[in-house]
Amino acid sequence: MNALKHKFCFRLLNDILILGLLLPLDLLLNSKKSALFY
């Protein structure tokens, strides 16, 4: 049970980290794309 909880917390942290890094990058790319297209 404890190992499962630890795994879940790690996954959650990982997701937050990925979102924190990829979301701004994605927004940046999208803004560049939209600037390119319009």
C-alpha atoms as a PDB file:
ATOM      1  CA  MET A   1       0.000   0.000   0.000  1.00  0.00           C
ATOM      2  CA  ASN A   2       2.773   2.411   0.956  1.00  0.00           C
ATOM      3  CA  ALA A   3       4.732   1.628  -2.213  1.00  0.00           C
ATOM      4  CA  LEU A   4       1.620   2.258  -4.291  1.00  0.00           C
ATOM      5  CA  LYS A   5       1.059   5.589  -2.569  1.00  0.00           C
ATOM      6  CA  HIS A   6       4.692   6.514  -3.166  1.00  0.00           C
ATOM      7  CA  LYS A   7       4.377   5.579  -6.834  1.00  0.00           C
ATOM      8  CA  PHE A   8       1.217   7.656  -7.180  1.00  0.00           C
ATOM      9  CA  CYS A   9       2.867  10.687  -5.562  1.00  0.00           C
ATOM     10  CA  PHE A  10       5.880  10.310  -7.826  1.00  0.00           C
ATOM     11  CA  ARG A  11       3.646  10.084 -10.884  1.00  0.00           C
ATOM     12  CA  LEU A  12       1.701  13.146  -9.783  1.00  0.00           C
ATOM     13  CA  LEU A  13       4.918  15.094  -9.232  1.00  0.00           C
ATOM     14  CA  ASN A  14       6.202  13.934 -12.578  1.00  0.00           C
ATOM     15  CA  ASP A  15       3.007  15.069 -14.294  1.00  0.00           C
ATOM     16  CA  ILE A  16       3.211  18.469 -12.619  1.00  0.00           C
ATOM     17  CA  LEU A  17       6.840  18.808 -13.661  1.00  0.00           C
ATOM     18  CA  ILE A  18       6.067  17.794 -17.248  1.00  0.00           C
ATOM     19  CA  LEU A  19       3.111  20.192 -17.396  1.00  0.00           C
ATOM     20  CA  GLY A  20       5.196  22.958 -15.850  1.00  0.00           C
ATOM     21  CA  LEU A  21       7.854  22.508 -18.504  1.00  0.00           C
ATOM     22  CA  LEU A  22       5.822  21.586 -21.560  1.00  0.00           C
ATOM     23  CA  LEU A  23       2.866  23.922 -21.166  1.00  0.00           C
ATOM     24  CA  PRO A  24       4.872  27.170 -21.425  1.00  0.00           C
ATOM     25  CA  LEU A  25       6.862  25.634 -24.264  1.00  0.00           C
ATOM     26  CA  ASP A  26       3.649  24.618 -26.019  1.00  0.00           C
ATOM     27  CA  LEU A  27       2.165  28.081 -25.548  1.00  0.00           C
ATOM     28  CA  LEU A  28       5.334  29.633 -26.878  1.00  0.00           C
ATOM     29  CA  LEU A  29       5.293  27.374 -29.937  1.00  0.00           C
ATOM     30  CA  ASN A  30       1.599  28.016 -30.523  1.00  0.00           C
ATOM     31  CA  SER A  31       2.043  31.771 -30.335  1.00  0.00           C
ATOM     32  CA  LYS A  32       4.934  31.536 -32.782  1.00  0.00           C
ATOM     33  CA  LYS A  33       2.854  29.321 -35.078  1.00  0.00           C
ATOM     34  CA  SER A  34      -0.127  31.669 -34.980  1.00  0.00           C
ATOM     35  CA  ALA A  35       2.180  34.624 -35.612  1.00  0.00           C
ATOM     36  CA  LEU A  36       3.577  32.725 -38.569  1.00  0.00           C
ATOM     37  CA  PHE A  37       0.179  31.814 -39.993  1.00  0.00           C
ATOM     38  CA  TYR A  38      -1.593  35.141 -39.613  1.00  0.00           C
END
